[in-house]
Every structure is written in C-alpha cells, then in structure tokens.
C-alpha cells in the first residue's frame, strides 16, 4: 500500500507550503512509504485528486487544496484531518495502515478480542464498561458542578 500525497510544488501560498512540509516530514519520520504527486505541473494528478476527493469533503468553491492524502484509491483526508489524527496519535488509523510493531495500538489477536466480547456480554447492566468519551463527559460535568457547589458554600459562610 502506498500513501499518495497530492501537493503543489509551485504554490504561492506559504500556508499551503507549510502544511505540505508538515505532512511529508511527519510521514518520513514515521517511515511511511508515500508518493508525492504534484498537481502544479501534472494535469492528470490534479484532475484525479479533484475527482476523487469526496463531495462532502470539498470546500464551498468545490476545488480541494493540497495537501490531500489517499491510501491508494481510498481518500484519507486533507491537512486538517491529518493534523487531528496526528494530535490524537492516530495517524496509522487515519492512513488505513496497520500500526508498527511495538506501538501502543498493536492489533488485538482475534482470540483476545473474542474473550473481551464474551466478558462484556457476561457483565450485568450495572457493570457495563464506560467508554473513554463517556468518562470524559462525566468528568467535565463534575468539574462544572464542583465550582458551583464551592460558590454556594462561600455564600453560605
């Protein structure tokens, strides 16, 4: 699998140049095989990129700007979605690639996954596991409530 990064070698925008450098530099640091495809001097690359970015991902003017990232024919995203994946340490998932050996997100063996499913099914409704998102939401709600209680206590004194 080759990651295709569509970029413009002769862009007049420093913002686009920086975004392209950020994507390519990060892929090189991760030792990900990629192919930089120039849309500035190759009309076929430009047309292919424009035709294959999903409609819902295109900007209002309909012309996606580089860098645009694909895994072979499959659209991965633009710079913003790449940046979000980078911040979440989910670049390999974003690119549709398996994580490297020894990484924190190593693939779970099928037997272990089946055991986890069986364990979760065996739990009662009160013992349901809580997702990270639900836990974060609870913590935020508790934090929001905590200052109000403190303010109330101060008013009572």
N, C-alpha and C. Protein backbone atom coordinates (compact mmCIF):
# COMPACT_ATOMS: atom_id res chain seq x y z
N UNK A 1 0.84 -1.18 0.00
CA UNK A 1 0.00 0.00 0.00
C UNK A 1 0.88 1.24 0.00
N UNK A 2 0.58 2.13 -0.91
CA UNK A 2 1.33 3.37 -0.99
C UNK A 2 0.40 4.53 -0.66
N UNK A 3 0.88 5.39 0.21
CA UNK A 3 0.14 6.59 0.55
C UNK A 3 0.46 7.62 -0.53
N UNK A 4 -0.58 8.23 -1.09
CA UNK A 4 -0.41 9.26 -2.11
C UNK A 4 -0.70 10.61 -1.47
N UNK A 5 0.28 11.50 -1.58
CA UNK A 5 0.11 12.85 -1.06
C UNK A 5 0.13 13.81 -2.25
N UNK A 6 -1.02 14.42 -2.50
CA UNK A 6 -1.14 15.37 -3.60
C UNK A 6 -0.72 16.73 -3.08
N UNK A 7 0.28 17.33 -3.77
CA UNK A 7 0.79 18.62 -3.35
C UNK A 7 1.08 19.49 -4.55
N UNK A 8 1.34 20.77 -4.28
CA UNK A 8 1.65 21.72 -5.35
C UNK A 8 3.08 22.20 -5.14
N UNK A 9 3.95 21.84 -6.07
CA UNK A 9 5.36 22.19 -5.93
C UNK A 9 5.60 23.69 -6.11
N UNK A 10 4.72 24.35 -6.81
CA UNK A 10 4.93 25.78 -7.06
C UNK A 10 3.78 26.62 -6.51
N UNK A 11 3.37 26.32 -5.30
CA UNK A 11 2.28 27.07 -4.67
C UNK A 11 2.80 28.43 -4.23
N UNK A 12 1.99 29.46 -4.44
CA UNK A 12 2.34 30.80 -3.99
C UNK A 12 1.97 31.03 -2.54
N UNK A 13 1.23 30.10 -1.95
CA UNK A 13 0.76 30.24 -0.57
C UNK A 13 1.75 29.62 0.40
N UNK A 14 2.26 30.43 1.33
CA UNK A 14 3.17 29.88 2.32
C UNK A 14 2.44 28.93 3.27
N UNK A 15 1.16 29.18 3.50
CA UNK A 15 0.37 28.29 4.37
C UNK A 15 0.30 26.90 3.76
N UNK A 16 0.03 26.81 2.47
CA UNK A 16 -0.04 25.51 1.79
C UNK A 16 1.33 24.83 1.82
N UNK A 17 2.39 25.60 1.57
CA UNK A 17 3.74 25.03 1.60
C UNK A 17 4.06 24.43 2.97
N UNK A 18 3.72 25.17 4.04
CA UNK A 18 3.99 24.68 5.39
C UNK A 18 3.19 23.42 5.69
N UNK A 19 1.93 23.39 5.27
CA UNK A 19 1.10 22.20 5.50
C UNK A 19 1.68 21.00 4.77
N UNK A 20 2.10 21.20 3.53
CA UNK A 20 2.69 20.11 2.75
C UNK A 20 3.96 19.60 3.41
N UNK A 21 4.81 20.52 3.86
CA UNK A 21 6.06 20.13 4.53
C UNK A 21 5.77 19.38 5.82
N UNK A 22 4.76 19.81 6.55
CA UNK A 22 4.39 19.15 7.80
C UNK A 22 3.97 17.70 7.54
N UNK A 23 3.11 17.50 6.55
CA UNK A 23 2.64 16.15 6.23
C UNK A 23 3.80 15.27 5.78
N UNK A 24 4.59 15.76 4.82
CA UNK A 24 5.70 14.95 4.29
C UNK A 24 6.74 14.66 5.37
N UNK A 25 7.08 15.65 6.18
CA UNK A 25 8.06 15.46 7.24
C UNK A 25 7.60 14.43 8.26
N UNK A 26 6.31 14.48 8.60
CA UNK A 26 5.79 13.53 9.59
C UNK A 26 5.76 12.12 9.02
N UNK A 27 5.37 11.97 7.75
CA UNK A 27 5.37 10.65 7.12
C UNK A 27 6.79 10.08 7.04
N UNK A 28 7.76 10.95 6.74
CA UNK A 28 9.15 10.50 6.69
C UNK A 28 9.63 10.07 8.08
N UNK A 29 9.26 10.83 9.10
CA UNK A 29 9.66 10.49 10.47
C UNK A 29 9.09 9.15 10.90
N UNK A 30 7.88 8.84 10.44
CA UNK A 30 7.25 7.56 10.77
C UNK A 30 7.70 6.43 9.85
N UNK A 31 8.52 6.77 8.86
CA UNK A 31 9.00 5.81 7.87
C UNK A 31 7.84 5.17 7.08
N UNK A 32 6.86 5.99 6.74
CA UNK A 32 5.71 5.55 5.95
C UNK A 32 6.06 5.73 4.47
N UNK A 33 5.84 4.68 3.68
CA UNK A 33 6.06 4.79 2.24
C UNK A 33 4.98 5.68 1.65
N UNK A 34 5.40 6.71 0.94
CA UNK A 34 4.43 7.60 0.31
C UNK A 34 4.96 8.05 -1.04
N UNK A 35 4.04 8.51 -1.87
CA UNK A 35 4.39 9.03 -3.18
C UNK A 35 3.87 10.46 -3.28
N UNK A 36 4.78 11.44 -3.36
CA UNK A 36 4.31 12.81 -3.56
C UNK A 36 3.90 13.00 -5.02
N UNK A 37 2.68 13.45 -5.21
CA UNK A 37 2.16 13.64 -6.56
C UNK A 37 1.86 15.12 -6.76
N UNK A 38 2.58 15.73 -7.71
CA UNK A 38 2.49 17.16 -7.93
C UNK A 38 1.28 17.50 -8.80
N UNK A 39 0.44 18.39 -8.31
CA UNK A 39 -0.73 18.81 -9.10
C UNK A 39 -0.45 20.11 -9.86
N UNK A 40 0.70 20.76 -9.57
CA UNK A 40 1.02 22.01 -10.23
C UNK A 40 1.55 21.79 -11.65
N UNK A 41 2.29 20.73 -11.85
CA UNK A 41 2.88 20.52 -13.17
C UNK A 41 2.36 19.26 -13.85
N UNK A 42 1.36 18.60 -13.25
CA UNK A 42 0.82 17.40 -13.86
C UNK A 42 -0.71 17.47 -13.82
N UNK A 43 -1.29 17.76 -14.95
CA UNK A 43 -2.74 17.93 -15.05
C UNK A 43 -3.49 16.64 -14.69
N UNK A 44 -2.94 15.48 -15.03
CA UNK A 44 -3.59 14.20 -14.69
C UNK A 44 -3.71 14.04 -13.16
N UNK A 45 -2.64 14.38 -12.44
CA UNK A 45 -2.68 14.31 -10.98
C UNK A 45 -3.73 15.26 -10.43
N UNK A 46 -3.77 16.47 -10.97
CA UNK A 46 -4.73 17.47 -10.49
C UNK A 46 -6.16 16.99 -10.72
N UNK A 47 -6.44 16.48 -11.89
CA UNK A 47 -7.80 16.02 -12.20
C UNK A 47 -8.16 14.81 -11.34
N UNK A 48 -7.25 13.87 -11.18
CA UNK A 48 -7.53 12.67 -10.39
C UNK A 48 -7.85 13.07 -8.94
N UNK A 49 -7.04 13.98 -8.38
CA UNK A 49 -7.27 14.42 -7.00
C UNK A 49 -8.65 15.08 -6.88
N UNK A 50 -8.96 16.00 -7.77
CA UNK A 50 -10.23 16.72 -7.70
C UNK A 50 -11.43 15.79 -7.85
N UNK A 51 -11.29 14.79 -8.70
CA UNK A 51 -12.40 13.85 -8.94
C UNK A 51 -12.59 12.87 -7.78
N UNK A 52 -11.52 12.59 -7.03
CA UNK A 52 -11.59 11.55 -6.01
C UNK A 52 -11.73 12.04 -4.57
N UNK A 53 -11.67 13.34 -4.35
CA UNK A 53 -11.99 13.87 -3.02
C UNK A 53 -13.51 13.82 -2.91
N UNK A 54 -14.05 13.19 -1.85
CA UNK A 54 -15.50 13.08 -1.71
C UNK A 54 -16.18 14.46 -1.69
N UNK A 55 -17.36 14.52 -2.24
CA UNK A 55 -18.10 15.78 -2.36
C UNK A 55 -18.25 16.46 -1.00
N UNK A 56 -18.56 15.69 0.04
CA UNK A 56 -18.78 16.29 1.37
C UNK A 56 -17.49 16.84 1.97
N UNK A 57 -16.34 16.48 1.42
CA UNK A 57 -15.06 16.96 1.94
C UNK A 57 -14.51 18.13 1.13
N UNK A 58 -15.17 18.48 0.04
CA UNK A 58 -14.70 19.59 -0.79
C UNK A 58 -15.11 20.92 -0.18
N UNK A 59 -14.28 21.95 -0.34
CA UNK A 59 -14.66 23.27 0.17
C UNK A 59 -15.83 23.83 -0.64
N UNK A 60 -16.36 24.95 -0.18
CA UNK A 60 -17.56 25.52 -0.83
C UNK A 60 -17.33 25.85 -2.30
N UNK A 61 -16.09 26.22 -2.67
CA UNK A 61 -15.84 26.52 -4.09
C UNK A 61 -15.66 25.25 -4.92
N UNK A 62 -15.63 24.08 -4.27
CA UNK A 62 -15.56 22.80 -4.97
C UNK A 62 -14.17 22.35 -5.37
N UNK A 63 -13.15 23.17 -5.10
CA UNK A 63 -11.79 22.81 -5.51
C UNK A 63 -10.94 22.56 -4.27
N UNK A 64 -10.63 21.29 -4.01
CA UNK A 64 -9.82 20.97 -2.83
C UNK A 64 -8.38 21.44 -3.00
N UNK A 65 -7.81 21.98 -1.93
CA UNK A 65 -6.43 22.46 -1.97
C UNK A 65 -5.49 21.40 -1.43
N UNK A 66 -4.26 21.41 -1.89
CA UNK A 66 -3.28 20.47 -1.35
C UNK A 66 -2.88 20.88 0.06
N UNK A 67 -2.37 19.96 0.85
CA UNK A 67 -2.19 18.55 0.55
C UNK A 67 -3.48 17.75 0.75
N UNK A 68 -3.70 16.79 -0.11
CA UNK A 68 -4.79 15.81 0.00
C UNK A 68 -4.12 14.45 0.08
N UNK A 69 -4.63 13.59 0.96
CA UNK A 69 -3.95 12.33 1.24
C UNK A 69 -4.86 11.15 0.92
N UNK A 70 -4.30 10.17 0.20
CA UNK A 70 -5.02 8.97 -0.19
C UNK A 70 -4.18 7.74 0.16
N UNK A 71 -4.86 6.64 0.45
CA UNK A 71 -4.22 5.34 0.57
C UNK A 71 -4.65 4.59 -0.68
N UNK A 72 -3.74 4.51 -1.65
CA UNK A 72 -4.06 4.01 -2.99
C UNK A 72 -5.23 4.83 -3.55
N UNK A 73 -6.42 4.22 -3.70
CA UNK A 73 -7.58 4.91 -4.26
C UNK A 73 -8.50 5.44 -3.16
N UNK A 74 -8.23 5.10 -1.92
CA UNK A 74 -9.10 5.43 -0.80
C UNK A 74 -8.72 6.78 -0.20
N UNK A 75 -9.68 7.69 -0.10
CA UNK A 75 -9.43 9.02 0.45
C UNK A 75 -9.22 8.95 1.95
N UNK A 76 -8.14 9.54 2.43
CA UNK A 76 -7.86 9.61 3.87
C UNK A 76 -8.30 10.95 4.44
N UNK A 77 -7.90 12.04 3.79
CA UNK A 77 -8.30 13.35 4.27
C UNK A 77 -7.38 14.45 3.79
N UNK A 78 -7.66 15.65 4.30
CA UNK A 78 -6.85 16.82 3.98
C UNK A 78 -5.91 17.12 5.14
N UNK A 79 -5.30 18.30 5.12
CA UNK A 79 -4.35 18.63 6.18
C UNK A 79 -5.02 18.68 7.55
N UNK A 80 -6.19 19.27 7.63
CA UNK A 80 -6.85 19.43 8.93
C UNK A 80 -7.14 18.07 9.56
N UNK A 81 -7.66 17.12 8.78
CA UNK A 81 -7.95 15.80 9.34
C UNK A 81 -6.65 15.05 9.67
N UNK A 82 -5.61 15.27 8.87
CA UNK A 82 -4.31 14.69 9.17
C UNK A 82 -3.78 15.24 10.49
N UNK A 83 -3.88 16.56 10.66
CA UNK A 83 -3.41 17.20 11.88
C UNK A 83 -4.15 16.67 13.10
N UNK A 84 -5.48 16.52 12.98
CA UNK A 84 -6.27 15.98 14.09
C UNK A 84 -5.81 14.56 14.44
N UNK A 85 -5.57 13.75 13.42
CA UNK A 85 -5.10 12.37 13.65
C UNK A 85 -3.73 12.38 14.31
N UNK A 86 -2.89 13.31 13.90
CA UNK A 86 -1.55 13.43 14.47
C UNK A 86 -1.66 13.81 15.95
N UNK A 87 -2.52 14.74 16.27
CA UNK A 87 -2.72 15.17 17.66
C UNK A 87 -3.27 14.03 18.53
N UNK A 88 -4.09 13.16 17.93
CA UNK A 88 -4.70 12.04 18.65
C UNK A 88 -3.84 10.78 18.61
N UNK A 89 -2.62 10.88 18.06
CA UNK A 89 -1.75 9.71 17.89
C UNK A 89 -2.45 8.60 17.12
N UNK A 90 -3.19 8.98 16.08
CA UNK A 90 -3.95 8.01 15.30
C UNK A 90 -3.62 8.12 13.81
N UNK A 91 -2.38 8.47 13.49
CA UNK A 91 -2.01 8.67 12.09
C UNK A 91 -2.11 7.38 11.29
N UNK A 92 -1.69 6.26 11.88
CA UNK A 92 -1.75 5.00 11.13
C UNK A 92 -3.19 4.62 10.82
N UNK A 93 -4.09 4.80 11.78
CA UNK A 93 -5.51 4.53 11.53
C UNK A 93 -6.05 5.48 10.48
N UNK A 94 -5.67 6.76 10.55
CA UNK A 94 -6.09 7.76 9.56
C UNK A 94 -5.65 7.34 8.15
N UNK A 95 -4.43 6.82 8.06
CA UNK A 95 -3.90 6.41 6.76
C UNK A 95 -4.40 5.03 6.32
N UNK A 96 -5.09 4.33 7.19
CA UNK A 96 -5.57 2.99 6.86
C UNK A 96 -4.45 1.97 6.86
N UNK A 97 -3.43 2.23 7.69
CA UNK A 97 -2.29 1.33 7.78
C UNK A 97 -2.26 0.64 9.13
N UNK A 98 -1.72 -0.58 9.18
CA UNK A 98 -1.56 -1.23 10.49
C UNK A 98 -0.49 -0.50 11.29
N UNK A 99 -0.65 -0.42 12.61
CA UNK A 99 0.38 0.25 13.41
C UNK A 99 1.67 -0.56 13.37
N UNK A 100 2.80 0.12 13.55
CA UNK A 100 4.08 -0.60 13.51
C UNK A 100 4.22 -1.53 14.71
N UNK A 101 5.02 -2.57 14.59
CA UNK A 101 5.22 -3.49 15.72
C UNK A 101 5.78 -2.74 16.91
N UNK A 102 5.27 -3.10 18.08
CA UNK A 102 5.74 -2.48 19.30
C UNK A 102 5.06 -1.17 19.65
N UNK A 103 4.11 -0.73 18.83
CA UNK A 103 3.41 0.51 19.15
C UNK A 103 2.32 0.23 20.18
N UNK A 104 1.83 1.29 20.79
CA UNK A 104 0.80 1.14 21.83
C UNK A 104 -0.49 0.58 21.27
N UNK A 105 -0.76 0.86 20.03
CA UNK A 105 -2.02 0.43 19.43
C UNK A 105 -1.79 -0.82 18.56
N UNK A 106 -1.11 -1.78 19.11
CA UNK A 106 -0.86 -3.03 18.39
C UNK A 106 -2.18 -3.74 18.16
N UNK A 107 -2.32 -4.42 17.03
CA UNK A 107 -3.58 -5.11 16.77
C UNK A 107 -3.85 -6.19 17.81
N UNK A 108 -5.11 -6.31 18.19
CA UNK A 108 -5.52 -7.31 19.18
C UNK A 108 -5.71 -8.64 18.46
N UNK A 109 -5.20 -9.69 19.06
CA UNK A 109 -5.38 -11.01 18.47
C UNK A 109 -6.87 -11.36 18.49
N UNK A 110 -7.29 -12.13 17.53
CA UNK A 110 -8.71 -12.46 17.40
C UNK A 110 -9.23 -13.18 18.65
N UNK A 111 -8.44 -14.08 19.22
CA UNK A 111 -8.88 -14.80 20.43
C UNK A 111 -9.09 -13.83 21.58
N UNK A 112 -8.18 -12.88 21.76
CA UNK A 112 -8.31 -11.91 22.84
C UNK A 112 -9.55 -11.03 22.63
N UNK A 113 -9.79 -10.64 21.39
CA UNK A 113 -10.96 -9.83 21.09
C UNK A 113 -12.24 -10.59 21.41
N UNK A 114 -12.27 -11.88 21.08
CA UNK A 114 -13.46 -12.70 21.36
C UNK A 114 -13.67 -12.83 22.87
N UNK A 115 -12.57 -13.01 23.62
CA UNK A 115 -12.68 -13.11 25.07
C UNK A 115 -13.22 -11.81 25.66
N UNK A 116 -12.78 -10.67 25.14
CA UNK A 116 -13.28 -9.38 25.63
C UNK A 116 -14.77 -9.24 25.36
N UNK A 117 -15.23 -9.67 24.20
CA UNK A 117 -16.65 -9.60 23.86
C UNK A 117 -17.45 -10.48 24.81
N UNK A 118 -16.97 -11.69 25.06
CA UNK A 118 -17.66 -12.60 25.97
C UNK A 118 -17.70 -12.03 27.38
N UNK A 119 -16.60 -11.43 27.84
CA UNK A 119 -16.56 -10.82 29.17
C UNK A 119 -17.57 -9.69 29.28
N UNK A 120 -17.66 -8.86 28.27
CA UNK A 120 -18.59 -7.74 28.30
C UNK A 120 -20.03 -8.23 28.27
N UNK A 121 -20.30 -9.29 27.50
CA UNK A 121 -21.65 -9.84 27.44
C UNK A 121 -22.05 -10.45 28.78
N UNK A 122 -21.08 -10.98 29.51
CA UNK A 122 -21.38 -11.62 30.79
C UNK A 122 -21.68 -10.60 31.89
N UNK A 123 -21.24 -9.36 31.72
CA UNK A 123 -21.48 -8.34 32.74
C UNK A 123 -22.94 -7.94 32.77
N UNK A 124 -23.39 -7.60 33.96
CA UNK A 124 -24.76 -7.10 34.11
C UNK A 124 -24.83 -5.67 33.62
N UNK A 125 -26.05 -5.12 33.58
CA UNK A 125 -26.22 -3.77 33.07
C UNK A 125 -25.49 -2.75 33.94
N UNK A 126 -25.45 -2.98 35.27
CA UNK A 126 -24.77 -2.05 36.17
C UNK A 126 -23.26 -2.09 35.97
N UNK A 127 -22.73 -3.20 35.46
CA UNK A 127 -21.29 -3.36 35.29
C UNK A 127 -20.83 -3.03 33.88
N UNK A 128 -21.68 -2.38 33.10
CA UNK A 128 -21.33 -2.07 31.71
C UNK A 128 -20.07 -1.21 31.69
N UNK A 129 -19.12 -1.53 30.81
CA UNK A 129 -17.92 -0.70 30.71
C UNK A 129 -18.30 0.68 30.15
N UNK A 130 -17.59 1.67 30.59
CA UNK A 130 -17.84 3.04 30.16
C UNK A 130 -16.78 3.42 29.14
N UNK A 131 -17.22 4.01 28.04
CA UNK A 131 -16.26 4.42 27.02
C UNK A 131 -15.47 5.62 27.53
N UNK A 132 -14.32 5.87 26.89
CA UNK A 132 -13.49 7.00 27.29
C UNK A 132 -14.25 8.31 27.13
N UNK A 133 -15.04 8.42 26.06
CA UNK A 133 -15.80 9.64 25.82
C UNK A 133 -16.81 9.88 26.93
N UNK A 134 -17.51 8.81 27.35
CA UNK A 134 -18.49 8.95 28.42
C UNK A 134 -17.80 9.34 29.73
N UNK A 135 -16.64 8.76 29.99
CA UNK A 135 -15.91 9.08 31.21
C UNK A 135 -15.46 10.54 31.20
N UNK A 136 -14.95 11.01 30.04
CA UNK A 136 -14.53 12.40 29.94
C UNK A 136 -15.71 13.34 30.14
N UNK A 137 -16.86 12.99 29.56
CA UNK A 137 -18.06 13.80 29.71
C UNK A 137 -18.48 13.88 31.17
N UNK A 138 -18.44 12.75 31.87
CA UNK A 138 -18.78 12.74 33.30
C UNK A 138 -17.83 13.63 34.09
N UNK A 139 -16.53 13.54 33.78
CA UNK A 139 -15.56 14.35 34.50
C UNK A 139 -15.80 15.83 34.25
N UNK A 140 -16.10 16.19 33.00
CA UNK A 140 -16.39 17.59 32.69
C UNK A 140 -17.62 18.07 33.43
N UNK A 141 -18.66 17.24 33.47
CA UNK A 141 -19.87 17.62 34.19
C UNK A 141 -19.58 17.80 35.68
N UNK A 142 -18.78 16.92 36.25
CA UNK A 142 -18.42 17.03 37.66
C UNK A 142 -17.61 18.29 37.92
N UNK A 143 -16.69 18.61 37.01
CA UNK A 143 -15.89 19.82 37.16
C UNK A 143 -16.76 21.07 37.08
N UNK A 144 -17.76 21.05 36.17
CA UNK A 144 -18.66 22.19 36.04
C UNK A 144 -19.50 22.35 37.29
N UNK A 145 -19.91 21.24 37.89
CA UNK A 145 -20.74 21.29 39.09
C UNK A 145 -19.92 21.69 40.31
N UNK A 146 -18.68 21.26 40.38
CA UNK A 146 -17.85 21.50 41.56
C UNK A 146 -17.70 22.99 41.88
N UNK A 147 -17.38 23.89 40.94
CA UNK A 147 -17.25 25.31 41.29
C UNK A 147 -18.55 25.91 41.80
N UNK A 148 -19.70 25.45 41.27
CA UNK A 148 -20.98 25.96 41.72
C UNK A 148 -21.19 25.62 43.19
N UNK A 149 -20.85 24.41 43.58
CA UNK A 149 -21.00 23.98 44.97
C UNK A 149 -20.10 24.84 45.85
N UNK A 150 -18.87 25.07 45.41
CA UNK A 150 -17.92 25.86 46.17
C UNK A 150 -18.43 27.28 46.34
N UNK A 151 -18.98 27.85 45.27
CA UNK A 151 -19.52 29.21 45.35
C UNK A 151 -20.70 29.25 46.32
N UNK A 152 -21.53 28.23 46.29
CA UNK A 152 -22.66 28.16 47.20
C UNK A 152 -22.18 28.12 48.64
N UNK A 153 -21.16 27.33 48.90
CA UNK A 153 -20.63 27.22 50.25
C UNK A 153 -20.07 28.55 50.72
N UNK A 154 -19.40 29.27 49.80
CA UNK A 154 -18.85 30.57 50.16
C UNK A 154 -19.96 31.55 50.51
N UNK A 155 -21.07 31.51 49.77
CA UNK A 155 -22.20 32.40 50.03
C UNK A 155 -22.83 32.09 51.37
N UNK A 156 -22.87 30.80 51.73
CA UNK A 156 -23.48 30.39 53.00
C UNK A 156 -22.66 30.87 54.19
N UNK A 157 -21.36 31.03 54.01
CA UNK A 157 -20.48 31.42 55.11
C UNK A 157 -20.54 32.85 55.35
